[in-house]
N, C-alpha and C. Protein backbone atom coordinates (compact mmCIF):
# COMPACT_ATOMS: atom_id res chain seq x y z
N MET A 1 53.68 29.06 -58.00
CA MET A 1 53.53 30.50 -57.82
C MET A 1 52.04 30.81 -57.69
N VAL A 2 51.72 31.75 -56.82
CA VAL A 2 50.32 32.10 -56.63
C VAL A 2 49.81 32.92 -57.81
N LYS A 3 48.52 32.82 -58.01
CA LYS A 3 47.88 33.45 -59.16
C LYS A 3 48.13 34.96 -59.22
N THR A 4 48.06 35.63 -58.08
CA THR A 4 48.25 37.08 -58.06
C THR A 4 49.65 37.46 -58.51
N LEU A 5 50.65 36.73 -58.06
CA LEU A 5 52.02 37.01 -58.47
C LEU A 5 52.19 36.74 -59.97
N GLU A 6 51.59 35.69 -60.46
CA GLU A 6 51.66 35.40 -61.89
C GLU A 6 51.04 36.53 -62.70
N GLN A 7 49.91 37.05 -62.23
CA GLN A 7 49.25 38.17 -62.93
C GLN A 7 50.13 39.41 -62.90
N ALA A 8 50.74 39.68 -61.76
CA ALA A 8 51.61 40.85 -61.65
C ALA A 8 52.80 40.73 -62.60
N ILE A 9 53.40 39.57 -62.65
CA ILE A 9 54.56 39.37 -63.53
C ILE A 9 54.15 39.52 -64.99
N ALA A 10 52.98 39.02 -65.33
CA ALA A 10 52.48 39.17 -66.70
C ALA A 10 52.31 40.65 -67.05
N GLU A 11 51.78 41.43 -66.14
CA GLU A 11 51.60 42.87 -66.37
C GLU A 11 52.96 43.57 -66.46
N ILE A 12 53.87 43.20 -65.58
CA ILE A 12 55.19 43.82 -65.57
C ILE A 12 55.93 43.54 -66.87
N SER A 13 55.72 42.35 -67.43
CA SER A 13 56.43 41.99 -68.66
C SER A 13 56.05 42.90 -69.83
N ASN A 14 54.95 43.64 -69.72
CA ASN A 14 54.54 44.56 -70.77
C ASN A 14 55.18 45.94 -70.62
N LEU A 15 55.90 46.16 -69.53
CA LEU A 15 56.53 47.46 -69.29
C LEU A 15 57.91 47.51 -69.95
N SER A 16 58.48 48.69 -69.96
CA SER A 16 59.82 48.85 -70.53
C SER A 16 60.84 48.10 -69.69
N ASP A 17 61.99 47.81 -70.30
CA ASP A 17 63.05 47.11 -69.57
C ASP A 17 63.47 47.88 -68.32
N ALA A 18 63.56 49.19 -68.43
CA ALA A 18 63.98 50.00 -67.29
C ALA A 18 62.97 49.89 -66.14
N ASP A 19 61.70 49.94 -66.48
CA ASP A 19 60.66 49.80 -65.44
C ASP A 19 60.69 48.40 -64.83
N GLN A 20 60.87 47.38 -65.66
CA GLN A 20 60.95 46.02 -65.15
C GLN A 20 62.14 45.87 -64.20
N GLU A 21 63.26 46.46 -64.55
CA GLU A 21 64.46 46.40 -63.71
C GLU A 21 64.21 47.08 -62.37
N GLN A 22 63.59 48.24 -62.40
CA GLN A 22 63.31 48.97 -61.17
C GLN A 22 62.35 48.18 -60.26
N ILE A 23 61.31 47.63 -60.85
CA ILE A 23 60.35 46.84 -60.08
C ILE A 23 61.04 45.60 -59.51
N GLY A 24 61.87 44.97 -60.30
CA GLY A 24 62.60 43.78 -59.84
C GLY A 24 63.49 44.09 -58.65
N ARG A 25 64.21 45.22 -58.72
CA ARG A 25 65.08 45.61 -57.60
C ARG A 25 64.26 45.87 -56.34
N LYS A 26 63.15 46.57 -56.50
CA LYS A 26 62.29 46.87 -55.34
C LYS A 26 61.71 45.59 -54.75
N LEU A 27 61.30 44.67 -55.60
CA LEU A 27 60.74 43.41 -55.12
C LEU A 27 61.78 42.60 -54.36
N LEU A 28 62.98 42.52 -54.91
CA LEU A 28 64.05 41.79 -54.23
C LEU A 28 64.39 42.43 -52.88
N SER A 29 64.40 43.73 -52.83
CA SER A 29 64.67 44.44 -51.58
C SER A 29 63.58 44.13 -50.56
N HIS A 30 62.34 44.14 -51.00
CA HIS A 30 61.21 43.84 -50.11
C HIS A 30 61.31 42.41 -49.57
N VAL A 31 61.64 41.48 -50.43
CA VAL A 31 61.77 40.07 -50.02
C VAL A 31 62.88 39.93 -48.98
N GLU A 32 63.99 40.62 -49.19
CA GLU A 32 65.11 40.55 -48.24
C GLU A 32 64.69 41.13 -46.88
N LYS A 33 63.95 42.23 -46.89
CA LYS A 33 63.47 42.82 -45.63
C LYS A 33 62.54 41.85 -44.91
N LEU A 34 61.68 41.16 -45.65
CA LEU A 34 60.80 40.17 -45.04
C LEU A 34 61.59 39.03 -44.43
N ARG A 35 62.62 38.56 -45.13
CA ARG A 35 63.47 37.49 -44.59
C ARG A 35 64.14 37.93 -43.29
N GLN A 36 64.67 39.15 -43.28
CA GLN A 36 65.32 39.66 -42.07
C GLN A 36 64.34 39.78 -40.92
N LEU A 37 63.14 40.27 -41.21
CA LEU A 37 62.11 40.40 -40.18
C LEU A 37 61.73 39.04 -39.62
N ARG A 38 61.53 38.07 -40.50
CA ARG A 38 61.17 36.73 -40.04
C ARG A 38 62.29 36.12 -39.20
N SER A 39 63.53 36.39 -39.57
CA SER A 39 64.66 35.90 -38.80
C SER A 39 64.67 36.52 -37.40
N GLU A 40 64.41 37.83 -37.32
CA GLU A 40 64.36 38.51 -36.02
C GLU A 40 63.21 37.99 -35.17
N ILE A 41 62.08 37.74 -35.79
CA ILE A 41 60.93 37.19 -35.07
C ILE A 41 61.26 35.81 -34.53
N ASP A 42 61.86 34.97 -35.37
CA ASP A 42 62.25 33.63 -34.93
C ASP A 42 63.23 33.69 -33.77
N LYS A 43 64.19 34.62 -33.86
CA LYS A 43 65.16 34.79 -32.78
C LYS A 43 64.45 35.21 -31.49
N GLY A 44 63.50 36.10 -31.58
CA GLY A 44 62.74 36.53 -30.41
C GLY A 44 61.93 35.40 -29.81
N ILE A 45 61.32 34.60 -30.65
CA ILE A 45 60.53 33.46 -30.17
C ILE A 45 61.42 32.46 -29.45
N ARG A 46 62.59 32.18 -30.03
CA ARG A 46 63.53 31.26 -29.36
C ARG A 46 63.95 31.82 -28.01
N SER A 47 64.17 33.10 -27.94
CA SER A 47 64.55 33.75 -26.69
C SER A 47 63.44 33.61 -25.65
N LEU A 48 62.21 33.84 -26.07
CA LEU A 48 61.08 33.69 -25.15
C LEU A 48 60.92 32.24 -24.70
N ASP A 49 61.06 31.32 -25.66
CA ASP A 49 60.95 29.90 -25.32
C ASP A 49 62.03 29.47 -24.33
N ALA A 50 63.18 30.13 -24.37
CA ALA A 50 64.28 29.80 -23.46
C ALA A 50 64.12 30.52 -22.11
N GLY A 51 63.01 31.23 -21.94
CA GLY A 51 62.76 31.90 -20.67
C GLY A 51 63.53 33.20 -20.50
N GLN A 52 63.98 33.80 -21.58
CA GLN A 52 64.77 35.01 -21.50
C GLN A 52 63.94 36.28 -21.65
N GLY A 53 62.63 36.14 -21.70
CA GLY A 53 61.77 37.30 -21.84
C GLY A 53 61.74 38.11 -20.55
N ARG A 54 61.36 39.37 -20.70
CA ARG A 54 61.22 40.21 -19.52
C ARG A 54 59.98 41.09 -19.69
N GLU A 55 59.46 41.51 -18.58
CA GLU A 55 58.25 42.33 -18.61
C GLU A 55 58.57 43.72 -19.16
N LEU A 56 57.65 44.25 -19.96
CA LEU A 56 57.82 45.59 -20.53
C LEU A 56 56.82 46.54 -19.92
N ASN A 57 57.23 47.77 -19.83
CA ASN A 57 56.30 48.84 -19.48
C ASN A 57 55.99 49.54 -20.79
N ILE A 58 54.79 49.36 -21.30
CA ILE A 58 54.43 49.87 -22.63
C ILE A 58 54.56 51.38 -22.70
N GLU A 59 54.31 52.07 -21.60
CA GLU A 59 54.46 53.53 -21.58
C GLU A 59 55.91 53.93 -21.85
N ASP A 60 56.86 53.19 -21.28
CA ASP A 60 58.28 53.47 -21.53
C ASP A 60 58.64 53.22 -22.99
N VAL A 61 58.11 52.15 -23.55
CA VAL A 61 58.38 51.82 -24.95
C VAL A 61 57.88 52.94 -25.85
N ILE A 62 56.67 53.41 -25.63
CA ILE A 62 56.08 54.48 -26.44
C ILE A 62 56.88 55.77 -26.26
N ARG A 63 57.25 56.08 -25.03
CA ARG A 63 58.01 57.30 -24.74
C ARG A 63 59.36 57.27 -25.49
N ARG A 64 60.05 56.13 -25.43
CA ARG A 64 61.34 56.01 -26.13
C ARG A 64 61.16 56.16 -27.64
N LYS A 65 60.13 55.56 -28.16
CA LYS A 65 59.86 55.63 -29.61
C LYS A 65 59.57 57.08 -30.01
N ASN A 66 58.76 57.77 -29.22
CA ASN A 66 58.42 59.17 -29.54
C ASN A 66 59.65 60.06 -29.40
N THR A 67 60.51 59.77 -28.45
CA THR A 67 61.74 60.55 -28.28
C THR A 67 62.65 60.36 -29.48
N LYS A 68 62.75 59.14 -29.99
CA LYS A 68 63.57 58.87 -31.18
C LYS A 68 63.06 59.66 -32.37
N ARG A 69 61.74 59.66 -32.56
CA ARG A 69 61.15 60.39 -33.69
C ARG A 69 61.42 61.88 -33.60
N ALA A 70 61.31 62.42 -32.40
CA ALA A 70 61.53 63.86 -32.22
C ALA A 70 62.96 64.24 -32.56
N GLY A 71 63.91 63.32 -32.34
CA GLY A 71 65.31 63.59 -32.62
C GLY A 71 65.69 63.40 -34.07
N SER A 72 64.82 62.82 -34.87
CA SER A 72 65.13 62.53 -36.28
C SER A 72 65.12 63.76 -37.14
């Protein structure tokens, strides 16, 4: 385990059980999101390596993203 994580866990161990539980749940959720993101990145890389990539128009990507936000 890296030193920073060890220090964080030591600090967390001084908190109440409820706070430790909440932090633990948030940490596990964060780790799961990272795993999912890494899986999606790996899938994208495999797709590119297989020649399945396509050219993007960055203006279209930004426009679609901004349109989604406006609808939220």
